[in-house]
């Protein structure tokens, strides 16, 4: 094993989302949109099913009227270790990295949408239109990401640009990445701290410890996709 393979084996990125803390405010959605140059679709195109969000807030209800309570689930790409979107891509635009991420090569994608059809979480979106940012709104675009043209599949990448920057900074300082050195935009903006990102290969990381909570579950776990996003059920806040 060479040095690069050894470094990659030390990381397996994952996320823990505490549903007991999530208020459904949508700040994570806006932060993701700003960080990753996700275009605003507008009411007309949304009515045609052309919504463009890498993370969405699903709402459901618990209890019986009048004792009813709204619950929320932030839903994004689950970065499955056994991802059903990967083997169906004819051009290998959807692939699995050595760090547990479900990658997406935008300039390789030809827009077949096979991956979206095979994703049980509906976490992938198709770019139906050419995005536009009239001046001066174009100044808000992040220089770390490309602006995708129409005809490609888009999805959450766990803010891969921040992961790379964190690893590069750690390498320059001659040390491994410390816990919570890397914080995706959604986790950074979450006021109640419902979203925790970290290295699941590090037993000392906060994400690793939270993922062992008694409240843990994964979406559609019976399908065997092995998601890297762990949810914590409502009803308690123990961190064991």
C-alpha atoms as a PDB file:
ATOM      1  CA  UNK A   1       0.000   0.000   0.000  1.00  0.00           C
ATOM      2  CA  UNK A   2       1.463   3.364  -1.006  1.00  0.00           C
ATOM      3  CA  UNK A   3       1.275   6.557   1.088  1.00  0.00           C
ATOM      4  CA  UNK A   4      -1.796   7.926  -0.736  1.00  0.00           C
ATOM      5  CA  UNK A   5      -3.729   4.686  -0.222  1.00  0.00           C
ATOM      6  CA  UNK A   6      -2.728   4.631   3.446  1.00  0.00           C
ATOM      7  CA  UNK A   7      -3.951   8.219   3.933  1.00  0.00           C
ATOM      8  CA  UNK A   8      -7.258   7.465   2.232  1.00  0.00           C
ATOM      9  CA  UNK A   9      -7.792   4.365   4.370  1.00  0.00           C
ATOM     10  CA  UNK A  10      -7.614   6.593   7.457  1.00  0.00           C
ATOM     11  CA  UNK A  11     -10.793   8.431   6.435  1.00  0.00           C
ATOM     12  CA  UNK A  12     -14.368   7.334   5.978  1.00  0.00           C
ATOM     13  CA  UNK A  13     -16.574  10.397   5.962  1.00  0.00           C
ATOM     14  CA  UNK A  14     -20.053  10.244   7.430  1.00  0.00           C
ATOM     15  CA  UNK A  15     -22.776  12.363   8.965  1.00  0.00           C
ATOM     16  CA  UNK A  16     -25.065  12.074  11.984  1.00  0.00           C
ATOM     17  CA  UNK A  17     -28.354  14.005  12.066  1.00  0.00           C
ATOM     18  CA  UNK A  18     -30.187  14.306  15.390  1.00  0.00           C
ATOM     19  CA  UNK A  19     -33.896  14.540  14.596  1.00  0.00           C
ATOM     20  CA  UNK A  20     -34.608  15.577  18.175  1.00  0.00           C
ATOM     21  CA  UNK A  21     -32.723  18.816  17.522  1.00  0.00           C
ATOM     22  CA  UNK A  22     -33.898  19.545  13.980  1.00  0.00           C
ATOM     23  CA  UNK A  23     -36.506  22.323  13.855  1.00  0.00           C
ATOM     24  CA  UNK A  24     -37.080  22.229  10.105  1.00  0.00           C
ATOM     25  CA  UNK A  25     -35.888  25.815   9.705  1.00  0.00           C
ATOM     26  CA  UNK A  26     -34.305  25.165   6.296  1.00  0.00           C
ATOM     27  CA  UNK A  27     -31.045  26.986   7.058  1.00  0.00           C
ATOM     28  CA  UNK A  28     -29.091  23.934   5.872  1.00  0.00           C
ATOM     29  CA  UNK A  29     -30.879  24.069   2.517  1.00  0.00           C
ATOM     30  CA  UNK A  30     -29.963  27.730   1.988  1.00  0.00           C
ATOM     31  CA  UNK A  31     -26.364  27.181   3.113  1.00  0.00           C
ATOM     32  CA  UNK A  32     -25.931  24.262   0.737  1.00  0.00           C
ATOM     33  CA  UNK A  33     -27.353  26.318  -2.099  1.00  0.00           C
ATOM     34  CA  UNK A  34     -24.945  29.194  -1.439  1.00  0.00           C
ATOM     35  CA  UNK A  35     -21.866  27.036  -0.870  1.00  0.00           C
ATOM     36  CA  UNK A  36     -22.282  24.773  -3.899  1.00  0.00           C
ATOM     37  CA  UNK A  37     -23.528  27.219  -6.546  1.00  0.00           C
ATOM     38  CA  UNK A  38     -26.940  25.586  -6.688  1.00  0.00           C
ATOM     39  CA  UNK A  39     -29.201  27.765  -8.861  1.00  0.00           C
ATOM     40  CA  UNK A  40     -32.561  29.133  -7.764  1.00  0.00           C
ATOM     41  CA  UNK A  41     -35.264  27.566  -9.902  1.00  0.00           C
ATOM     42  CA  UNK A  42     -38.289  29.788  -9.312  1.00  0.00           C
ATOM     43  CA  UNK A  43     -42.002  29.170  -8.913  1.00  0.00           C
ATOM     44  CA  UNK A  44     -42.775  28.415 -12.572  1.00  0.00           C
ATOM     45  CA  UNK A  45     -40.158  25.709 -13.026  1.00  0.00           C
ATOM     46  CA  UNK A  46     -40.847  24.263  -9.569  1.00  0.00           C
ATOM     47  CA  UNK A  47     -44.479  23.766 -10.593  1.00  0.00           C
ATOM     48  CA  UNK A  48     -43.131  21.684 -13.494  1.00  0.00           C
ATOM     49  CA  UNK A  49     -41.098  19.473 -11.169  1.00  0.00           C
ATOM     50  CA  UNK A  50     -37.788  21.163 -11.936  1.00  0.00           C
ATOM     51  CA  UNK A  51     -36.741  21.844  -8.339  1.00  0.00           C
ATOM     52  CA  UNK A  52     -33.002  22.018  -7.708  1.00  0.00           C
ATOM     53  CA  UNK A  53     -31.898  21.346  -4.127  1.00  0.00           C
ATOM     54  CA  UNK A  54     -29.143  19.075  -2.901  1.00  0.00           C
ATOM     55  CA  UNK A  55     -30.752  18.780   0.529  1.00  0.00           C
ATOM     56  CA  UNK A  56     -34.435  19.002   1.358  1.00  0.00           C
ATOM     57  CA  UNK A  57     -36.509  18.958   4.536  1.00  0.00           C
ATOM     58  CA  UNK A  58     -39.126  16.199   4.666  1.00  0.00           C
ATOM     59  CA  UNK A  59     -41.996  16.769   7.096  1.00  0.00           C
ATOM     60  CA  UNK A  60     -44.217  14.195   8.757  1.00  0.00           C
ATOM     61  CA  UNK A  61     -46.672  14.140  11.631  1.00  0.00           C
ATOM     62  CA  UNK A  62     -46.714  12.218  14.891  1.00  0.00           C
ATOM     63  CA  UNK A  63     -49.672  11.620  17.177  1.00  0.00           C
ATOM     64  CA  UNK A  64     -53.399  12.180  16.818  1.00  0.00           C
ATOM     65  CA  UNK A  65     -55.261  15.477  16.702  1.00  0.00           C
ATOM     66  CA  UNK A  66     -55.185  17.605  18.803  1.00  0.00           C
ATOM     67  CA  UNK A  67     -52.004  16.072  20.264  1.00  0.00           C
ATOM     68  CA  UNK A  68     -50.110  16.163  17.000  1.00  0.00           C
ATOM     69  CA  UNK A  69     -46.512  17.187  16.432  1.00  0.00           C
ATOM     70  CA  UNK A  70     -44.535  17.990  13.290  1.00  0.00           C
ATOM     71  CA  UNK A  71     -41.264  16.162  12.779  1.00  0.00           C
ATOM     72  CA  UNK A  72     -38.591  16.931  10.206  1.00  0.00           C
ATOM     73  CA  UNK A  73     -35.956  14.895   8.367  1.00  0.00           C
ATOM     74  CA  UNK A  74     -33.183  16.608   6.387  1.00  0.00           C
ATOM     75  CA  UNK A  75     -32.650  14.367   3.370  1.00  0.00           C
ATOM     76  CA  UNK A  76     -29.533  14.457   1.223  1.00  0.00           C
ATOM     77  CA  UNK A  77     -27.362  11.984  -0.661  1.00  0.00           C
ATOM     78  CA  UNK A  78     -26.765   9.125   1.779  1.00  0.00           C
ATOM     79  CA  UNK A  79     -23.317   8.283   0.339  1.00  0.00           C
ATOM     80  CA  UNK A  80     -24.082   4.578   0.473  1.00  0.00           C
ATOM     81  CA  UNK A  81     -21.211   2.107   0.770  1.00  0.00           C
ATOM     82  CA  UNK A  82     -23.245  -0.172  -1.496  1.00  0.00           C
ATOM     83  CA  UNK A  83     -24.680   2.605  -3.667  1.00  0.00           C
ATOM     84  CA  UNK A  84     -27.297   1.446  -6.219  1.00  0.00           C
ATOM     85  CA  UNK A  85     -26.648   4.550  -8.351  1.00  0.00           C
ATOM     86  CA  UNK A  86     -23.081   3.572  -9.219  1.00  0.00           C
ATOM     87  CA  UNK A  87     -23.347   0.325 -11.241  1.00  0.00           C
ATOM     88  CA  UNK A  88     -26.075   1.674 -13.558  1.00  0.00           C
ATOM     89  CA  UNK A  89     -24.116   4.692 -14.838  1.00  0.00           C
ATOM     90  CA  UNK A  90     -22.963   3.878 -18.392  1.00  0.00           C
ATOM     91  CA  UNK A  91     -20.129   6.429 -18.324  1.00  0.00           C
ATOM     92  CA  UNK A  92     -18.937   5.888 -14.726  1.00  0.00           C
ATOM     93  CA  UNK A  93     -19.853   9.420 -13.722  1.00  0.00           C
ATOM     94  CA  UNK A  94     -21.157   8.082 -10.421  1.00  0.00           C
ATOM     95  CA  UNK A  95     -18.393   6.279  -8.556  1.00  0.00           C
ATOM     96  CA  UNK A  96     -17.225   5.408  -5.033  1.00  0.00           C
ATOM     97  CA  UNK A  97     -14.147   6.993  -3.531  1.00  0.00           C
ATOM     98  CA  UNK A  98     -11.690   5.324  -1.191  1.00  0.00           C
ATOM     99  CA  UNK A  99     -12.938   7.641   1.582  1.00  0.00           C
ATOM    100  CA  UNK A 100     -16.522   6.386   1.458  1.00  0.00           C
ATOM    101  CA  UNK A 101     -17.980   9.176  -0.673  1.00  0.00           C
ATOM    102  CA  UNK A 102     -20.332   8.703  -3.588  1.00  0.00           C
ATOM    103  CA  UNK A 103     -18.609  10.918  -6.139  1.00  0.00           C
ATOM    104  CA  UNK A 104     -20.101  12.577  -9.210  1.00  0.00           C
ATOM    105  CA  UNK A 105     -18.022  13.595 -12.249  1.00  0.00           C
ATOM    106  CA  UNK A 106     -20.088  16.368 -13.789  1.00  0.00           C
ATOM    107  CA  UNK A 107     -18.124  16.727 -17.021  1.00  0.00           C
ATOM    108  CA  UNK A 108     -18.487  12.998 -17.638  1.00  0.00           C
ATOM    109  CA  UNK A 109     -22.240  12.811 -17.001  1.00  0.00           C
ATOM    110  CA  UNK A 110     -24.389  12.511 -20.134  1.00  0.00           C
ATOM    111  CA  UNK A 111     -27.711  12.908 -18.342  1.00  0.00           C
ATOM    112  CA  UNK A 112     -29.196   9.432 -18.733  1.00  0.00           C
ATOM    113  CA  UNK A 113     -30.739   9.781 -15.243  1.00  0.00           C
ATOM    114  CA  UNK A 114     -30.270   6.055 -14.606  1.00  0.00           C
ATOM    115  CA  UNK A 115     -28.682   6.914 -11.255  1.00  0.00           C
ATOM    116  CA  UNK A 116     -31.705   8.959 -10.186  1.00  0.00           C
ATOM    117  CA  UNK A 117     -34.043   6.117 -11.135  1.00  0.00           C
ATOM    118  CA  UNK A 118     -31.971   3.700  -9.063  1.00  0.00           C
ATOM    119  CA  UNK A 119     -31.668   5.944  -5.981  1.00  0.00           C
ATOM    120  CA  UNK A 120     -34.248   4.861  -3.372  1.00  0.00           C
ATOM    121  CA  UNK A 121     -33.882   8.191  -1.537  1.00  0.00           C
ATOM    122  CA  UNK A 122     -34.602  10.504  -4.507  1.00  0.00           C
ATOM    123  CA  UNK A 123     -31.499  12.439  -3.494  1.00  0.00           C
ATOM    124  CA  UNK A 124     -30.312  13.233  -7.024  1.00  0.00           C
ATOM    125  CA  UNK A 125     -31.632  16.082  -9.158  1.00  0.00           C
ATOM    126  CA  UNK A 126     -31.377  16.696 -12.890  1.00  0.00           C
ATOM    127  CA  UNK A 127     -30.328  20.097 -14.173  1.00  0.00           C
ATOM    128  CA  UNK A 128     -33.068  20.860 -16.707  1.00  0.00           C
ATOM    129  CA  UNK A 129     -31.972  24.424 -17.499  1.00  0.00           C
ATOM    130  CA  UNK A 130     -28.910  26.603 -17.956  1.00  0.00           C
ATOM    131  CA  UNK A 131     -28.372  28.450 -14.661  1.00  0.00           C
ATOM    132  CA  UNK A 132     -28.175  32.237 -14.758  1.00  0.00           C
ATOM    133  CA  UNK A 133     -26.873  34.707 -12.182  1.00  0.00           C
ATOM    134  CA  UNK A 134     -27.410  38.260 -13.438  1.00  0.00           C
ATOM    135  CA  UNK A 135     -24.947  40.867 -12.183  1.00  0.00           C
ATOM    136  CA  UNK A 136     -24.128  41.484  -9.387  1.00  0.00           C
ATOM    137  CA  UNK A 137     -25.447  38.092  -8.174  1.00  0.00           C
ATOM    138  CA  UNK A 138     -22.666  36.340 -10.071  1.00  0.00           C
ATOM    139  CA  UNK A 139     -20.226  37.708  -7.481  1.00  0.00           C
ATOM    140  CA  UNK A 140     -21.707  35.395  -4.860  1.00  0.00           C
ATOM    141  CA  UNK A 141     -20.583  32.229  -6.664  1.00  0.00           C
ATOM    142  CA  UNK A 142     -18.001  30.096  -4.898  1.00  0.00           C
ATOM    143  CA  UNK A 143     -14.713  29.896  -6.850  1.00  0.00           C
ATOM    144  CA  UNK A 144     -14.088  26.404  -5.432  1.00  0.00           C
ATOM    145  CA  UNK A 145     -16.832  24.810  -7.541  1.00  0.00           C
ATOM    146  CA  UNK A 146     -17.769  24.810 -11.178  1.00  0.00           C
ATOM    147  CA  UNK A 147     -21.139  26.080 -12.342  1.00  0.00           C
ATOM    148  CA  UNK A 148     -22.830  23.054 -13.864  1.00  0.00           C
ATOM    149  CA  UNK A 149     -24.455  23.443 -17.265  1.00  0.00           C
ATOM    150  CA  UNK A 150     -27.808  21.884 -18.067  1.00  0.00           C
ATOM    151  CA  UNK A 151     -28.149  18.186 -18.748  1.00  0.00           C
ATOM    152  CA  UNK A 152     -26.269  16.672 -15.792  1.00  0.00           C
ATOM    153  CA  UNK A 153     -27.192  15.009 -12.526  1.00  0.00           C
ATOM    154  CA  UNK A 154     -26.365  16.945  -9.351  1.00  0.00           C
ATOM    155  CA  UNK A 155     -26.294  15.903  -5.713  1.00  0.00           C
ATOM    156  CA  UNK A 156     -24.764  16.472  -2.288  1.00  0.00           C
ATOM    157  CA  UNK A 157     -21.015  15.848  -2.103  1.00  0.00           C
ATOM    158  CA  UNK A 158     -20.532  16.448   1.660  1.00  0.00           C
ATOM    159  CA  UNK A 159     -18.907  19.718   0.488  1.00  0.00           C
ATOM    160  CA  UNK A 160     -15.971  17.864  -1.076  1.00  0.00           C
ATOM    161  CA  UNK A 161     -14.142  21.168  -1.586  1.00  0.00           C
ATOM    162  CA  UNK A 162     -14.038  21.685   2.182  1.00  0.00           C
ATOM    163  CA  UNK A 163     -12.835  18.118   2.732  1.00  0.00           C
ATOM    164  CA  UNK A 164      -9.968  18.642   0.298  1.00  0.00           C
ATOM    165  CA  UNK A 165      -9.055  21.985   1.816  1.00  0.00           C
ATOM    166  CA  UNK A 166      -9.030  20.501   5.320  1.00  0.00           C
ATOM    167  CA  UNK A 167      -6.796  17.644   4.240  1.00  0.00           C
ATOM    168  CA  UNK A 168      -4.416  19.992   2.415  1.00  0.00           C
ATOM    169  CA  UNK A 169      -4.141  22.281   5.453  1.00  0.00           C
ATOM    170  CA  UNK A 170      -3.441  19.295   7.703  1.00  0.00           C
ATOM    171  CA  UNK A 171      -0.789  17.999   5.289  1.00  0.00           C
ATOM    172  CA  UNK A 172       0.974  21.371   5.238  1.00  0.00           C
ATOM    173  CA  UNK A 173       1.068  21.303   9.041  1.00  0.00           C
ATOM    174  CA  UNK A 174       2.338  17.705   9.069  1.00  0.00           C
ATOM    175  CA  UNK A 175      -0.573  16.224  10.991  1.00  0.00           C
ATOM    176  CA  UNK A 176      -3.738  14.180  10.366  1.00  0.00           C
ATOM    177  CA  UNK A 177      -7.090  15.908  10.047  1.00  0.00           C
ATOM    178  CA  UNK A 178      -8.434  16.709  13.499  1.00  0.00           C
ATOM    179  CA  UNK A 179     -12.018  16.010  14.490  1.00  0.00           C
ATOM    180  CA  UNK A 180     -14.373  18.756  13.292  1.00  0.00           C
ATOM    181  CA  UNK A 181     -11.620  20.451  11.256  1.00  0.00           C
ATOM    182  CA  UNK A 182     -13.939  19.897   8.300  1.00  0.00           C
ATOM    183  CA  UNK A 183     -17.494  21.193   8.602  1.00  0.00           C
ATOM    184  CA  UNK A 184     -19.881  21.107   5.603  1.00  0.00           C
ATOM    185  CA  UNK A 185     -22.034  24.145   4.966  1.00  0.00           C
ATOM    186  CA  UNK A 186     -25.210  22.467   6.239  1.00  0.00           C
ATOM    187  CA  UNK A 187     -23.593  21.557   9.573  1.00  0.00           C
ATOM    188  CA  UNK A 188     -21.955  24.970   9.923  1.00  0.00           C
ATOM    189  CA  UNK A 189     -25.248  26.829   9.634  1.00  0.00           C
ATOM    190  CA  UNK A 190     -27.386  24.465  11.742  1.00  0.00           C
ATOM    191  CA  UNK A 191     -28.256  26.588  14.796  1.00  0.00           C
ATOM    192  CA  UNK A 192     -29.406  23.735  17.096  1.00  0.00           C
ATOM    193  CA  UNK A 193     -26.406  21.580  16.130  1.00  0.00           C
ATOM    194  CA  UNK A 194     -28.489  18.770  14.669  1.00  0.00           C
ATOM    195  CA  UNK A 195     -25.911  17.915  11.962  1.00  0.00           C
ATOM    196  CA  UNK A 196     -22.509  16.462  12.869  1.00  0.00           C
ATOM    197  CA  UNK A 197     -19.946  15.526  10.211  1.00  0.00           C
ATOM    198  CA  UNK A 198     -16.788  13.585  10.776  1.00  0.00           C
ATOM    199  CA  UNK A 199     -14.473  10.677  10.160  1.00  0.00           C
ATOM    200  CA  UNK A 200     -16.231   7.396  10.884  1.00  0.00           C
ATOM    201  CA  UNK A 201     -12.876   5.616  10.779  1.00  0.00           C
ATOM    202  CA  UNK A 202     -11.741   7.561  13.859  1.00  0.00           C
ATOM    203  CA  UNK A 203     -13.151   6.055  17.095  1.00  0.00           C
ATOM    204  CA  UNK A 204     -12.388   9.326  18.889  1.00  0.00           C
ATOM    205  CA  UNK A 205     -14.463  11.504  16.538  1.00  0.00           C
ATOM    206  CA  UNK A 206     -17.771  12.915  17.724  1.00  0.00           C
ATOM    207  CA  UNK A 207     -19.562  11.571  14.649  1.00  0.00           C
ATOM    208  CA  UNK A 208     -18.300   8.046  15.382  1.00  0.00           C
ATOM    209  CA  UNK A 209     -19.536   8.208  18.976  1.00  0.00           C
ATOM    210  CA  UNK A 210     -22.945   9.615  18.029  1.00  0.00           C
ATOM    211  CA  UNK A 211     -23.341   6.936  15.358  1.00  0.00           C
ATOM    212  CA  UNK A 212     -23.244   4.338  18.173  1.00  0.00           C
ATOM    213  CA  UNK A 213     -26.177   5.936  20.011  1.00  0.00           C
ATOM    214  CA  UNK A 214     -29.128   3.767  21.018  1.00  0.00           C
ATOM    215  CA  UNK A 215     -31.309   6.107  18.953  1.00  0.00           C
ATOM    216  CA  UNK A 216     -29.469   5.476  15.671  1.00  0.00           C
ATOM    217  CA  UNK A 217     -31.137   4.295  12.475  1.00  0.00           C
ATOM    218  CA  UNK A 218     -30.546   4.525   8.739  1.00  0.00           C
ATOM    219  CA  UNK A 219     -33.099   5.158   6.036  1.00  0.00           C
ATOM    220  CA  UNK A 220     -34.480   2.099   4.218  1.00  0.00           C
ATOM    221  CA  UNK A 221     -31.899  -0.052   5.969  1.00  0.00           C
ATOM    222  CA  UNK A 222     -33.493  -3.275   4.726  1.00  0.00           C
ATOM    223  CA  UNK A 223     -32.319  -2.459   1.186  1.00  0.00           C
ATOM    224  CA  UNK A 224     -28.710  -3.052   2.202  1.00  0.00           C
ATOM    225  CA  UNK A 225     -27.327   0.132   0.654  1.00  0.00           C
ATOM    226  CA  UNK A 226     -25.241   0.847   3.793  1.00  0.00           C
ATOM    227  CA  UNK A 227     -25.728   4.649   3.994  1.00  0.00           C
ATOM    228  CA  UNK A 228     -23.053   6.835   5.581  1.00  0.00           C
ATOM    229  CA  UNK A 229     -25.711   9.175   6.988  1.00  0.00           C
ATOM    230  CA  UNK A 230     -26.957   8.112  10.420  1.00  0.00           C
ATOM    231  CA  UNK A 231     -30.140   9.536  11.942  1.00  0.00           C
ATOM    232  CA  UNK A 232     -30.948   9.725  15.646  1.00  0.00           C
ATOM    233  CA  UNK A 233     -34.568   9.205  16.617  1.00  0.00           C
ATOM    234  CA  UNK A 234     -36.435  11.848  18.579  1.00  0.00           C
ATOM    235  CA  UNK A 235     -37.219  11.335  22.229  1.00  0.00           C
ATOM    236  CA  UNK A 236     -33.853  11.720  23.897  1.00  0.00           C
ATOM    237  CA  UNK A 237     -30.423  13.286  23.690  1.00  0.00           C
ATOM    238  CA  UNK A 238     -28.043  10.741  25.113  1.00  0.00           C
ATOM    239  CA  UNK A 239     -24.767  10.697  23.235  1.00  0.00           C
ATOM    240  CA  UNK A 240     -23.793   7.104  24.002  1.00  0.00           C
END
